[in-house]
N, C-alpha and C. Protein backbone atom coordinates (compact mmCIF):
# COMPACT_ATOMS: atom_id res chain seq x y z
N SER A 1 1.00 -1.27 0.17
CA SER A 1 0.01 0.11 -0.08
C SER A 1 0.81 1.38 0.06
N VAL A 2 0.35 2.47 -0.14
CA VAL A 2 0.92 3.65 -0.24
C VAL A 2 1.89 3.98 1.04
N GLU A 3 0.96 3.74 2.19
CA GLU A 3 1.60 4.00 3.70
C GLU A 3 2.72 3.14 3.80
N ASN A 4 2.92 1.86 3.19
CA ASN A 4 3.88 1.00 3.58
C ASN A 4 5.17 1.29 2.63
N ILE A 5 4.66 1.98 1.42
CA ILE A 5 6.00 2.32 0.61
C ILE A 5 6.31 3.61 1.11
N PHE A 6 5.80 4.52 2.11
CA PHE A 6 6.01 5.65 2.67
C PHE A 6 6.81 5.33 3.67
N SER A 7 6.51 4.35 4.66
CA SER A 7 7.17 3.68 5.68
C SER A 7 8.75 3.40 5.52
N LYS A 8 8.69 2.98 4.23
CA LYS A 8 10.04 2.53 3.78
C LYS A 8 11.31 3.40 3.12
N ASN A 9 10.37 4.97 3.17
CA ASN A 9 11.16 6.06 2.59
C ASN A 9 11.31 6.10 1.19
N ILE A 10 10.43 5.31 0.93
CA ILE A 10 10.32 5.18 -1.35
C ILE A 10 9.55 6.41 -1.35
N PRO A 11 10.09 7.44 -2.15
CA PRO A 11 8.99 8.48 -2.94
C PRO A 11 7.99 7.63 -3.55
N CYS A 12 6.86 8.44 -3.22
CA CYS A 12 5.51 8.07 -3.83
C CYS A 12 4.77 9.10 -4.07
N VAL A 13 4.52 9.10 -5.62
CA VAL A 13 3.65 10.35 -5.97
C VAL A 13 2.07 9.44 -6.32
N ILE A 14 0.95 10.32 -6.52
CA ILE A 14 -0.26 9.91 -6.76
C ILE A 14 -0.64 10.48 -7.55
N ILE A 15 -1.32 10.01 -8.78
CA ILE A 15 -1.73 10.61 -10.05
C ILE A 15 -2.99 10.28 -10.24
N ASP A 16 -3.89 11.48 -10.46
CA ASP A 16 -5.08 11.35 -10.99
C ASP A 16 -6.38 11.40 -10.04
N SER A 17 -6.29 10.21 -9.48
CA SER A 17 -7.51 9.95 -8.45
C SER A 17 -6.63 9.92 -7.07
N GLY A 18 -7.43 10.90 -6.09
CA GLY A 18 -6.78 11.15 -4.81
C GLY A 18 -7.26 9.62 -3.84
N ILE A 19 -6.44 9.91 -2.62
CA ILE A 19 -6.43 8.35 -1.90
C ILE A 19 -6.65 9.09 -0.42
N GLU A 20 -6.99 8.40 0.21
CA GLU A 20 -7.20 8.61 1.82
C GLU A 20 -6.30 8.52 2.47
N THR A 21 -5.20 9.14 2.44
CA THR A 21 -3.87 9.24 3.49
C THR A 21 -3.13 10.33 2.78
N ASP A 22 -2.33 10.75 3.91
CA ASP A 22 -1.23 12.14 3.33
C ASP A 22 0.17 11.43 3.34
N LYS A 23 0.35 10.11 3.30
CA LYS A 23 1.61 9.83 3.19
C LYS A 23 2.24 9.50 1.85
N TYR A 24 1.96 10.88 1.27
CA TYR A 24 2.93 10.45 -0.05
C TYR A 24 3.66 11.91 -0.57
N VAL A 25 4.29 12.02 -1.57
CA VAL A 25 5.32 12.84 -1.83
C VAL A 25 4.60 14.48 -2.60
N SER A 26 3.60 13.51 -3.50
CA SER A 26 2.78 14.98 -4.05
C SER A 26 1.62 14.32 -4.97
N PHE A 27 0.81 15.00 -5.35
CA PHE A 27 -0.64 14.42 -5.63
C PHE A 27 -0.73 15.52 -7.21
N LEU A 28 -0.73 14.44 -8.20
CA LEU A 28 -0.77 15.12 -9.46
C LEU A 28 -2.23 14.80 -10.11
N ALA A 29 -2.87 15.84 -10.44
CA ALA A 29 -4.09 15.60 -11.00
C ALA A 29 -4.73 17.18 -11.70
N THR A 30 -5.66 16.85 -12.58
CA THR A 30 -6.62 17.73 -12.94
C THR A 30 -7.45 18.62 -12.13
N ASP A 31 -7.55 19.76 -12.22
CA ASP A 31 -8.31 20.35 -11.44
C ASP A 31 -9.94 20.23 -11.86
N ASN A 32 -10.72 19.08 -11.28
CA ASN A 32 -11.82 18.74 -11.78
C ASN A 32 -12.77 19.85 -11.68
N TYR A 33 -12.81 20.50 -10.53
CA TYR A 33 -13.72 21.72 -10.36
C TYR A 33 -13.61 22.58 -11.45
N LYS A 34 -12.66 23.20 -11.71
CA LYS A 34 -12.22 23.97 -12.62
C LYS A 34 -12.82 23.44 -14.10
N GLY A 35 -12.52 22.25 -14.33
CA GLY A 35 -13.22 21.60 -15.34
C GLY A 35 -14.92 21.52 -15.83
N GLY A 36 -15.69 21.12 -14.84
CA GLY A 36 -16.92 21.64 -14.55
C GLY A 36 -17.08 23.36 -14.68
N VAL A 37 -16.57 24.01 -14.55
CA VAL A 37 -16.73 25.34 -14.68
C VAL A 37 -16.06 25.72 -16.21
N ILE A 38 -15.29 24.97 -16.85
CA ILE A 38 -15.32 25.28 -18.12
C ILE A 38 -16.39 24.90 -18.99
N ALA A 39 -17.09 23.44 -18.55
CA ALA A 39 -18.32 23.28 -19.30
C ALA A 39 -19.36 24.09 -19.30
N ALA A 40 -19.82 24.39 -18.12
CA ALA A 40 -20.91 25.54 -17.85
C ALA A 40 -20.68 26.53 -18.28
N LYS A 41 -19.37 27.71 -18.45
CA LYS A 41 -19.22 28.55 -19.58
C LYS A 41 -19.47 28.42 -20.68
N ARG A 42 -19.02 26.88 -21.22
CA ARG A 42 -19.04 26.65 -22.81
C ARG A 42 -20.69 26.51 -23.33
N LEU A 43 -21.22 25.80 -22.12
CA LEU A 43 -22.73 25.73 -22.56
C LEU A 43 -23.45 27.03 -22.17
N GLY A 44 -23.23 27.83 -21.12
CA GLY A 44 -23.68 29.14 -21.34
C GLY A 44 -23.70 30.12 -22.61
N GLU A 45 -22.26 29.91 -23.10
CA GLU A 45 -21.96 30.80 -24.49
C GLU A 45 -22.73 30.19 -25.31
N ILE A 46 -22.69 28.97 -25.85
CA ILE A 46 -23.58 28.41 -27.33
C ILE A 46 -24.86 28.74 -26.56
N LEU A 47 -25.53 28.70 -25.68
CA LEU A 47 -27.05 28.61 -25.62
C LEU A 47 -27.45 29.92 -24.99
N GLY A 48 -26.50 31.00 -25.08
CA GLY A 48 -26.84 32.32 -25.04
C GLY A 48 -27.46 32.66 -23.59
N GLY A 49 -26.97 32.00 -22.75
CA GLY A 49 -27.38 32.16 -21.23
C GLY A 49 -28.58 31.58 -20.97
N LYS A 50 -29.37 30.88 -21.73
CA LYS A 50 -30.50 30.40 -21.77
C LYS A 50 -30.73 29.01 -21.84
N GLY A 51 -32.09 28.61 -21.06
CA GLY A 51 -32.26 27.04 -21.39
C GLY A 51 -32.01 26.22 -20.31
N LYS A 52 -32.73 24.70 -20.56
CA LYS A 52 -32.92 23.69 -19.99
C LYS A 52 -31.78 22.90 -20.34
N VAL A 53 -31.17 22.39 -19.18
CA VAL A 53 -29.83 21.54 -19.05
C VAL A 53 -30.32 19.94 -18.65
N ILE A 54 -29.71 18.89 -18.55
CA ILE A 54 -29.50 17.80 -18.10
C ILE A 54 -28.17 17.55 -17.70
N LEU A 55 -27.99 17.11 -16.71
CA LEU A 55 -26.45 16.44 -16.12
C LEU A 55 -26.43 14.57 -15.93
N VAL A 56 -25.71 14.19 -16.66
CA VAL A 56 -25.15 12.96 -16.76
C VAL A 56 -24.01 12.71 -15.87
N GLU A 57 -24.28 12.17 -14.32
CA GLU A 57 -23.11 12.14 -13.36
C GLU A 57 -22.88 10.65 -13.35
N TRP A 58 -21.57 10.66 -12.62
CA TRP A 58 -21.05 9.54 -12.55
C TRP A 58 -21.17 8.71 -10.87
N ILE A 59 -20.65 7.57 -10.67
CA ILE A 59 -20.99 7.22 -9.24
C ILE A 59 -20.88 8.10 -8.18
N PRO A 60 -21.54 7.99 -6.98
CA PRO A 60 -21.38 8.91 -5.96
C PRO A 60 -20.08 9.17 -5.08
N ASN A 61 -19.32 8.22 -4.99
CA ASN A 61 -18.43 8.32 -4.43
C ASN A 61 -16.94 8.47 -5.28
N SER A 62 -17.00 8.61 -6.62
CA SER A 62 -16.20 9.34 -7.50
C SER A 62 -15.92 10.88 -7.10
N ALA A 63 -14.54 11.03 -5.96
CA ALA A 63 -14.62 12.41 -6.01
C ALA A 63 -14.27 13.47 -7.36
N SER A 64 -13.27 12.94 -8.17
CA SER A 64 -13.13 13.44 -9.27
C SER A 64 -14.45 14.14 -10.08
N THR A 65 -15.30 13.19 -10.07
CA THR A 65 -16.60 13.37 -11.36
C THR A 65 -17.43 14.17 -10.38
N MET A 66 -17.73 13.91 -9.33
CA MET A 66 -18.66 14.76 -8.20
C MET A 66 -17.85 16.16 -8.18
N ASP A 67 -16.55 16.43 -8.26
CA ASP A 67 -16.01 17.82 -8.42
C ASP A 67 -16.35 18.39 -9.55
N ARG A 68 -16.17 17.92 -10.87
CA ARG A 68 -16.78 18.44 -12.06
C ARG A 68 -18.22 18.59 -12.17
N ALA A 69 -19.04 18.03 -11.37
CA ALA A 69 -20.26 18.22 -11.40
C ALA A 69 -20.82 19.64 -10.80
N LYS A 70 -20.03 19.64 -9.28
CA LYS A 70 -20.23 20.69 -8.62
C LYS A 70 -19.79 22.06 -9.27
N GLY A 71 -18.94 21.79 -9.99
CA GLY A 71 -18.01 22.95 -10.66
C GLY A 71 -19.06 23.59 -11.69
N PHE A 72 -19.70 22.73 -12.29
CA PHE A 72 -20.65 22.82 -13.55
C PHE A 72 -22.05 23.49 -12.92
N SER A 73 -22.31 22.85 -12.12
CA SER A 73 -23.72 22.98 -10.94
C SER A 73 -23.37 24.70 -10.59
N ASP A 74 -22.63 24.44 -9.54
CA ASP A 74 -21.97 26.36 -8.73
C ASP A 74 -21.89 27.17 -9.92
N THR A 75 -21.27 26.98 -11.27
CA THR A 75 -21.05 27.89 -12.17
C THR A 75 -22.44 28.63 -12.93
N LEU A 76 -23.45 27.29 -13.25
CA LEU A 76 -24.53 27.82 -13.84
C LEU A 76 -25.46 28.64 -13.01
N THR A 77 -25.71 28.16 -11.52
CA THR A 77 -26.16 29.00 -10.50
C THR A 77 -25.93 30.21 -10.34
N SER A 78 -24.38 30.42 -10.35
CA SER A 78 -23.91 32.05 -10.20
C SER A 78 -23.70 32.90 -11.49
N GLU A 79 -23.76 32.32 -12.70
CA GLU A 79 -23.48 33.11 -13.26
C GLU A 79 -24.52 33.04 -15.05
N PHE A 80 -25.08 32.20 -14.85
CA PHE A 80 -26.22 32.00 -15.99
C PHE A 80 -27.82 31.87 -15.31
N LYS A 81 -28.03 32.75 -14.54
CA LYS A 81 -29.26 32.74 -13.84
C LYS A 81 -30.72 32.35 -14.67
N GLU A 82 -30.62 32.36 -16.03
CA GLU A 82 -31.64 32.17 -16.62
C GLU A 82 -31.82 30.39 -17.33
N MET A 83 -30.45 29.54 -16.93
CA MET A 83 -30.15 28.38 -17.07
C MET A 83 -30.40 27.47 -16.02
N GLU A 84 -31.05 26.25 -16.20
CA GLU A 84 -31.55 25.51 -15.00
C GLU A 84 -31.29 23.83 -15.52
N ILE A 85 -30.85 23.28 -14.60
CA ILE A 85 -30.73 21.88 -14.43
C ILE A 85 -31.56 21.17 -14.05
N VAL A 86 -32.51 20.83 -15.04
CA VAL A 86 -34.08 20.43 -14.97
C VAL A 86 -34.14 18.80 -14.39
N ASP A 87 -32.82 18.12 -14.75
CA ASP A 87 -32.53 16.98 -14.07
C ASP A 87 -31.02 16.28 -13.99
N LYS A 88 -30.80 15.27 -12.95
CA LYS A 88 -29.24 14.68 -13.41
C LYS A 88 -29.73 13.28 -12.91
N LYS A 89 -28.67 12.57 -13.39
CA LYS A 89 -28.95 11.03 -12.77
C LYS A 89 -27.38 10.40 -13.13
N TYR A 90 -27.08 9.46 -12.46
CA TYR A 90 -25.85 8.57 -12.65
C TYR A 90 -26.14 7.39 -12.85
N PRO A 91 -25.49 6.54 -13.99
CA PRO A 91 -25.64 5.25 -14.21
C PRO A 91 -25.21 4.22 -13.00
N ASN A 92 -26.52 3.21 -12.82
CA ASN A 92 -26.02 2.20 -11.61
C ASN A 92 -26.93 0.74 -12.51
N PRO A 93 -25.90 0.17 -12.72
CA PRO A 93 -24.59 -0.38 -12.48
C PRO A 93 -23.47 0.75 -13.46
N PRO A 94 -22.43 1.03 -13.07
CA PRO A 94 -21.98 2.61 -13.79
C PRO A 94 -20.96 1.76 -15.20
N THR A 95 -22.02 1.98 -16.02
CA THR A 95 -21.37 1.39 -17.57
C THR A 95 -21.80 2.29 -18.39
N VAL A 96 -21.30 2.20 -19.88
CA VAL A 96 -21.92 2.99 -21.14
C VAL A 96 -23.44 2.61 -21.42
N GLU A 97 -23.51 1.41 -21.22
CA GLU A 97 -24.98 0.98 -21.61
C GLU A 97 -26.10 1.49 -20.69
N GLN A 98 -25.75 1.55 -19.07
CA GLN A 98 -26.70 2.54 -18.50
C GLN A 98 -26.73 3.81 -18.63
N ALA A 99 -25.41 4.61 -18.96
CA ALA A 99 -25.54 5.93 -19.11
C ALA A 99 -26.64 6.36 -20.34
N LEU A 100 -26.21 5.57 -21.63
CA LEU A 100 -27.16 5.75 -22.55
C LEU A 100 -28.68 5.59 -22.18
N SER A 101 -28.97 4.44 -21.58
CA SER A 101 -30.45 4.30 -20.66
C SER A 101 -30.85 5.44 -19.85
N ILE A 102 -29.99 5.84 -18.77
CA ILE A 102 -30.46 7.15 -18.10
C ILE A 102 -30.49 8.62 -19.16
N CYS A 103 -29.61 8.35 -19.64
CA CYS A 103 -29.74 9.72 -20.52
C CYS A 103 -31.10 9.87 -21.44
N GLU A 104 -31.37 8.44 -22.14
CA GLU A 104 -32.49 8.51 -22.97
C GLU A 104 -33.96 8.80 -21.96
N ASP A 105 -33.80 8.34 -21.03
CA ASP A 105 -35.01 8.37 -19.72
C ASP A 105 -34.89 9.99 -19.32
N MET A 106 -34.13 10.70 -19.35
CA MET A 106 -34.11 12.09 -18.88
C MET A 106 -34.77 12.82 -20.11
N LEU A 107 -34.23 12.56 -21.36
CA LEU A 107 -34.62 13.48 -22.36
C LEU A 107 -36.04 12.96 -22.81
N GLN A 108 -36.59 11.65 -22.40
CA GLN A 108 -38.12 11.40 -22.67
C GLN A 108 -38.70 12.25 -21.55
N LYS A 109 -38.38 12.22 -20.59
CA LYS A 109 -38.92 12.81 -19.46
C LYS A 109 -38.71 14.40 -19.32
N ASN A 110 -38.55 15.10 -20.04
CA ASN A 110 -37.75 16.46 -19.99
C ASN A 110 -37.92 17.24 -21.43
N PRO A 111 -39.19 17.05 -22.01
CA PRO A 111 -38.88 17.90 -23.48
C PRO A 111 -38.63 19.33 -23.08
N GLY A 112 -37.99 19.80 -24.64
CA GLY A 112 -37.38 21.02 -24.80
C GLY A 112 -35.77 21.03 -23.83
N ILE A 113 -35.20 19.98 -23.76
CA ILE A 113 -33.78 20.19 -23.58
C ILE A 113 -33.01 21.02 -24.43
N ASP A 114 -31.96 22.03 -23.89
CA ASP A 114 -31.27 22.64 -24.83
C ASP A 114 -29.86 22.41 -24.64
N GLY A 115 -29.47 21.71 -23.49
CA GLY A 115 -28.15 21.43 -23.07
C GLY A 115 -27.83 20.10 -22.61
N LEU A 116 -26.71 19.48 -22.53
CA LEU A 116 -26.07 18.44 -21.70
C LEU A 116 -24.64 18.50 -21.21
N PHE A 117 -24.60 17.85 -20.22
CA PHE A 117 -22.97 17.78 -19.56
C PHE A 117 -22.96 16.43 -19.30
N ALA A 118 -22.05 15.88 -19.76
CA ALA A 118 -21.70 14.28 -19.14
C ALA A 118 -20.48 14.52 -18.86
N CYS A 119 -19.98 13.75 -17.42
CA CYS A 119 -18.94 14.28 -16.72
C CYS A 119 -17.48 13.42 -16.84
N ASN A 120 -17.65 12.41 -17.33
CA ASN A 120 -16.99 11.56 -17.75
C ASN A 120 -16.76 10.66 -18.96
N ARG A 121 -15.69 9.76 -19.44
CA ARG A 121 -16.04 9.17 -20.97
C ARG A 121 -16.97 8.29 -20.88
N ASP A 122 -17.35 7.51 -20.10
CA ASP A 122 -18.29 6.24 -20.27
C ASP A 122 -19.88 7.08 -20.57
N THR A 123 -20.27 8.25 -19.34
CA THR A 123 -21.06 8.99 -19.49
C THR A 123 -21.34 9.83 -20.62
N ALA A 124 -20.08 10.27 -21.38
CA ALA A 124 -20.35 11.01 -22.86
C ALA A 124 -20.38 10.26 -23.73
N ILE A 125 -19.88 8.92 -23.94
CA ILE A 125 -20.30 7.88 -25.13
C ILE A 125 -21.60 7.62 -24.70
N GLY A 126 -22.19 7.34 -23.47
CA GLY A 126 -23.44 6.89 -23.31
C GLY A 126 -24.24 7.84 -23.69
N ALA A 127 -24.24 9.40 -23.34
CA ALA A 127 -24.91 10.60 -23.81
C ALA A 127 -25.11 10.68 -25.23
N MET A 128 -23.60 10.58 -25.77
CA MET A 128 -23.82 10.91 -27.44
C MET A 128 -24.63 9.87 -27.66
N ARG A 129 -24.43 8.22 -27.69
CA ARG A 129 -25.51 7.65 -28.33
C ARG A 129 -26.86 7.53 -28.12
N ALA A 130 -27.13 8.23 -26.97
CA ALA A 130 -28.67 8.59 -26.65
C ALA A 130 -29.11 9.68 -27.59
N LEU A 131 -28.45 10.62 -27.85
CA LEU A 131 -28.69 11.57 -28.96
C LEU A 131 -28.88 11.29 -30.31
N GLN A 132 -28.07 10.33 -30.50
CA GLN A 132 -27.74 10.19 -32.04
C GLN A 132 -29.02 8.97 -32.03
N LYS A 133 -29.19 8.01 -31.13
CA LYS A 133 -30.45 7.59 -31.35
C LYS A 133 -31.61 7.92 -31.20
N GLN A 134 -32.15 9.32 -30.77
CA GLN A 134 -33.17 9.88 -30.83
C GLN A 134 -33.31 10.90 -31.99
N GLN A 135 -31.84 10.92 -32.37
CA GLN A 135 -32.08 11.94 -33.62
C GLN A 135 -31.67 13.33 -33.16
N LEU A 136 -31.07 13.48 -32.10
CA LEU A 136 -31.10 14.88 -31.26
C LEU A 136 -29.70 15.40 -31.77
N SER A 137 -28.85 14.65 -32.42
CA SER A 137 -27.42 15.27 -32.75
C SER A 137 -27.49 16.59 -33.40
N GLY A 138 -26.92 17.64 -32.41
CA GLY A 138 -26.87 18.95 -32.75
C GLY A 138 -28.05 19.73 -32.46
N LYS A 139 -29.02 19.58 -32.15
CA LYS A 139 -30.48 20.04 -31.99
C LYS A 139 -30.34 20.33 -29.98
N ILE A 140 -29.74 18.92 -29.65
CA ILE A 140 -29.20 19.48 -28.16
C ILE A 140 -27.51 19.71 -28.18
N LYS A 141 -26.90 20.73 -27.39
CA LYS A 141 -26.03 21.23 -27.39
C LYS A 141 -25.47 19.99 -26.09
N MET A 142 -24.32 19.42 -26.56
CA MET A 142 -23.46 18.40 -25.55
C MET A 142 -22.11 18.97 -25.55
N VAL A 143 -21.88 18.88 -24.10
CA VAL A 143 -20.26 18.93 -23.68
C VAL A 143 -20.03 17.92 -22.66
N GLY A 144 -18.97 17.34 -23.07
CA GLY A 144 -18.73 15.71 -22.70
C GLY A 144 -17.14 16.13 -21.77
N PHE A 145 -16.87 15.20 -21.13
CA PHE A 145 -15.47 14.82 -20.44
C PHE A 145 -14.76 14.12 -20.61
N ASP A 146 -13.45 13.97 -20.84
CA ASP A 146 -12.40 13.35 -21.13
C ASP A 146 -12.52 12.90 -23.09
N SER A 147 -11.49 12.18 -23.30
CA SER A 147 -10.82 11.66 -24.79
C SER A 147 -11.28 10.27 -25.27
N ASP A 148 -11.88 10.28 -26.31
CA ASP A 148 -12.00 8.54 -26.65
C ASP A 148 -12.02 8.61 -28.18
N PRO A 149 -11.72 7.73 -28.98
CA PRO A 149 -12.31 7.81 -30.63
C PRO A 149 -13.54 8.23 -30.81
N SER A 150 -14.19 7.31 -30.15
CA SER A 150 -15.82 7.69 -30.41
C SER A 150 -16.16 9.12 -30.34
N LEU A 151 -15.61 9.54 -29.18
CA LEU A 151 -16.10 11.04 -28.86
C LEU A 151 -15.52 11.86 -29.79
N ILE A 152 -14.51 11.55 -30.22
CA ILE A 152 -13.66 12.55 -31.10
C ILE A 152 -14.64 12.60 -32.28
N ASN A 153 -15.01 11.18 -32.80
CA ASN A 153 -16.25 11.26 -33.95
C ASN A 153 -17.28 12.08 -33.58
N GLY A 154 -17.80 11.80 -32.51
CA GLY A 154 -18.79 12.81 -32.07
C GLY A 154 -18.73 14.27 -32.20
N LEU A 155 -17.57 14.76 -31.78
CA LEU A 155 -17.25 15.94 -32.10
C LEU A 155 -17.07 16.37 -33.67
N ASN A 156 -16.68 15.38 -34.43
CA ASN A 156 -16.47 15.83 -36.02
C ASN A 156 -17.71 15.75 -36.64
N ASP A 157 -18.56 14.81 -36.38
CA ASP A 157 -20.16 14.89 -36.79
C ASP A 157 -20.95 15.86 -36.23
N GLY A 158 -20.56 16.34 -35.22
CA GLY A 158 -21.33 17.49 -34.38
C GLY A 158 -22.84 16.94 -33.62
N THR A 159 -22.27 15.67 -33.34
CA THR A 159 -23.25 15.31 -32.10
C THR A 159 -22.66 15.65 -30.95
N ILE A 160 -21.42 16.00 -30.68
CA ILE A 160 -20.88 16.83 -29.51
C ILE A 160 -20.44 18.26 -30.13
N ASP A 161 -20.34 19.11 -28.79
CA ASP A 161 -20.08 20.45 -29.48
C ASP A 161 -18.77 20.55 -28.69
N SER A 162 -18.40 20.16 -27.58
CA SER A 162 -16.84 20.55 -27.25
C SER A 162 -16.53 19.15 -26.14
N LEU A 163 -15.34 18.81 -25.98
CA LEU A 163 -14.76 18.24 -24.74
C LEU A 163 -13.85 18.89 -24.25
N VAL A 164 -14.03 18.66 -22.62
CA VAL A 164 -13.23 19.19 -21.64
C VAL A 164 -12.38 17.73 -21.06
N VAL A 165 -11.17 18.26 -21.51
CA VAL A 165 -10.16 16.89 -21.75
C VAL A 165 -8.71 17.08 -20.38
N GLN A 166 -8.34 16.04 -20.30
CA GLN A 166 -7.43 16.27 -19.36
C GLN A 166 -6.15 15.95 -20.17
N ASN A 167 -4.39 16.15 -19.25
CA ASN A 167 -3.62 15.89 -19.92
C ASN A 167 -2.67 14.80 -19.15
N PRO A 168 -3.04 13.40 -19.62
CA PRO A 168 -2.52 12.16 -19.20
C PRO A 168 -1.13 11.98 -19.44
N TYR A 169 -0.65 12.59 -20.50
CA TYR A 169 0.84 12.44 -20.50
C TYR A 169 1.57 13.49 -19.90
N LYS A 170 1.09 14.43 -19.31
CA LYS A 170 1.82 15.49 -18.59
C LYS A 170 1.88 14.83 -17.20
N MET A 171 0.42 14.56 -16.71
CA MET A 171 0.48 13.53 -15.61
C MET A 171 1.83 12.73 -15.29
N GLY A 172 2.09 11.90 -16.12
CA GLY A 172 2.95 10.72 -15.96
C GLY A 172 4.33 11.53 -16.33
N TYR A 173 4.35 12.14 -17.09
CA TYR A 173 5.89 12.93 -16.93
C TYR A 173 6.17 13.60 -16.14
N GLU A 174 4.71 14.50 -15.43
CA GLU A 174 5.53 15.28 -14.12
C GLU A 174 5.49 14.51 -13.03
N GLY A 175 4.85 13.39 -13.45
CA GLY A 175 5.03 12.26 -11.86
C GLY A 175 6.41 11.89 -11.49
N VAL A 176 7.24 11.28 -13.19
CA VAL A 176 8.39 10.65 -13.06
C VAL A 176 9.24 11.97 -12.27
N LYS A 177 9.42 13.16 -12.94
CA LYS A 177 10.10 14.43 -12.55
C LYS A 177 10.22 14.42 -11.23
N THR A 178 8.88 14.68 -10.78
CA THR A 178 8.65 14.55 -9.18
C THR A 178 9.35 13.59 -8.38
N VAL A 179 9.45 12.46 -8.99
CA VAL A 179 10.16 11.74 -8.33
C VAL A 179 11.45 11.35 -8.13
N MET A 180 12.16 11.61 -9.06
CA MET A 180 13.48 12.13 -9.49
C MET A 180 13.88 13.43 -8.74
N ALA A 181 13.22 13.98 -8.60
CA ALA A 181 13.39 15.73 -7.88
C ALA A 181 13.58 15.26 -6.40
N LYS A 182 12.57 14.46 -6.15
CA LYS A 182 12.63 14.10 -4.53
C LYS A 182 13.66 12.99 -3.72
N ILE A 183 14.31 12.23 -5.43
CA ILE A 183 15.36 11.35 -4.71
C ILE A 183 16.73 11.93 -4.57
N ARG A 184 16.53 13.12 -5.31
CA ARG A 184 17.44 14.21 -5.47
C ARG A 184 17.60 14.78 -4.12
N ASP A 185 16.49 14.86 -3.16
CA ASP A 185 16.56 15.63 -1.91
C ASP A 185 16.34 17.07 -2.37
N LYS A 186 14.93 17.44 -3.29
CA LYS A 186 14.93 18.38 -4.11
C LYS A 186 13.48 18.87 -3.26
N ASP A 187 13.31 19.98 -3.14
CA ASP A 187 11.79 20.39 -2.63
C ASP A 187 10.75 20.00 -3.78
N VAL A 188 9.63 19.72 -3.75
CA VAL A 188 8.60 19.18 -4.64
C VAL A 188 7.25 19.93 -4.30
N PRO A 189 6.74 20.38 -4.91
CA PRO A 189 5.28 20.87 -4.38
C PRO A 189 4.54 19.73 -4.08
N ARG A 190 3.38 19.72 -3.17
CA ARG A 190 2.55 18.83 -2.49
C ARG A 190 1.50 18.29 -3.39
N LYS A 191 0.94 19.48 -4.06
CA LYS A 191 0.16 19.45 -4.95
C LYS A 191 0.60 20.07 -6.67
N ILE A 192 0.25 19.18 -7.90
CA ILE A 192 0.37 19.53 -8.85
C ILE A 192 -0.90 19.63 -10.01
N ASP A 193 -1.30 20.83 -10.19
CA ASP A 193 -2.35 20.71 -11.55
C ASP A 193 -1.76 20.57 -12.75
N THR A 194 -2.26 19.53 -13.36
CA THR A 194 -1.95 19.35 -14.60
C THR A 194 -2.52 19.47 -15.72
N GLY A 195 -3.40 20.29 -15.23
CA GLY A 195 -4.01 21.11 -16.71
C GLY A 195 -5.48 20.53 -17.13
N VAL A 196 -6.43 21.48 -17.66
CA VAL A 196 -7.86 20.65 -18.24
C VAL A 196 -7.80 21.88 -19.32
N ALA A 197 -8.57 21.43 -20.77
CA ALA A 197 -8.44 21.93 -21.55
C ALA A 197 -9.94 21.69 -22.35
N LEU A 198 -10.73 23.11 -23.06
CA LEU A 198 -11.82 22.82 -23.63
C LEU A 198 -11.41 22.66 -25.07
N ILE A 199 -11.69 21.50 -25.85
CA ILE A 199 -11.68 21.25 -27.46
C ILE A 199 -12.55 21.13 -28.37
N LYS A 200 -12.81 21.84 -29.00
CA LYS A 200 -13.47 22.03 -30.31
C LYS A 200 -13.72 21.28 -31.16
N LYS A 201 -14.64 21.58 -32.56
CA LYS A 201 -14.07 20.80 -33.70
C LYS A 201 -12.98 21.36 -34.13
N GLU A 202 -12.96 22.28 -34.32
CA GLU A 202 -12.29 23.60 -35.09
C GLU A 202 -10.94 23.31 -34.77
N ASP A 203 -10.54 22.97 -33.21
CA ASP A 203 -9.29 22.52 -32.30
C ASP A 203 -8.34 21.34 -33.02
N LEU A 204 -9.34 20.62 -33.55
CA LEU A 204 -8.84 19.13 -34.17
C LEU A 204 -7.61 19.07 -34.95
N GLU A 205 -7.53 20.23 -35.85
CA GLU A 205 -6.10 20.47 -36.38
C GLU A 205 -5.01 20.76 -36.04
N LYS A 206 -4.91 21.34 -34.88
CA LYS A 206 -4.29 22.50 -34.45
C LYS A 206 -3.14 21.05 -33.74
N PRO A 207 -1.98 21.47 -33.93
CA PRO A 207 -0.95 20.72 -33.44
C PRO A 207 -1.00 20.31 -32.14
N GLU A 208 -1.31 21.39 -31.20
CA GLU A 208 -1.03 20.96 -29.77
C GLU A 208 -2.05 20.09 -29.34
N THR A 209 -3.43 20.16 -30.08
CA THR A 209 -4.51 19.39 -29.61
C THR A 209 -4.37 17.76 -30.47
N LYS A 210 -3.60 17.94 -31.37
CA LYS A 210 -3.31 16.52 -31.81
C LYS A 210 -2.50 15.56 -30.80
N ALA A 211 -1.42 16.70 -30.44
CA ALA A 211 -0.35 15.91 -29.23
C ALA A 211 -1.05 15.65 -27.69
N LEU A 212 -2.31 16.91 -27.54
CA LEU A 212 -2.71 16.38 -26.23
C LEU A 212 -3.66 15.08 -26.30
N LEU A 213 -4.30 15.22 -27.34
CA LEU A 213 -5.18 14.02 -27.36
C LEU A 213 -4.62 12.49 -28.39
N ASN A 214 -3.42 12.90 -28.53
CA ASN A 214 -2.37 11.61 -29.40
C ASN A 214 -3.47 11.36 -30.85
N LEU A 215 -3.49 12.15 -31.52
CA LEU A 215 -4.00 11.80 -32.80
C LEU A 215 -3.13 12.11 -33.73
N LYS A 216 -3.44 11.30 -35.05
CA LYS A 216 -2.06 11.34 -35.87
C LYS A 216 -2.57 12.40 -36.83
């Protein structure tokens, strides 16, 4: 365990997902709350600050996705007074198929939906498929979180407006650098924000986006 490693004076960094211990050198992760804020601002921008929105959440004990959902809902409440989250659900069991099912259910129960935010890869894939299945691609503005080849296809065909993405390469690169710095007895930050970015269709041809998403 992490605590056993710490007790042996072996430098340990935690990457991406938090852990309930303080026995580590550094924690490298996305600012997930900020990711939710970015998603809310994007939907607010493309919907002109008005409309009904649904939120596709992940399992309740996932700190990263809960932070994304909170950043999203807090920002809508504080900055977009004429936008409302009319429904939110999480898939149980947590699968793409169940995410598709709950998204379809929310769409059917809430006519006139204008926007949608799905807070991780699996919920985004499920939500995208729900929009495609109900022939709502482009009619409901969707912002997803995370990257996947199918989500990039959805961005290209207009089902998805934009994706909020993390930087896993930077997580790994900075993680190794942090361990090496600690081995050399240098001071290292207790927490490192590895960044989060909004990607739109027009960004896909940019070299920096291709590098971030590992596109050829």
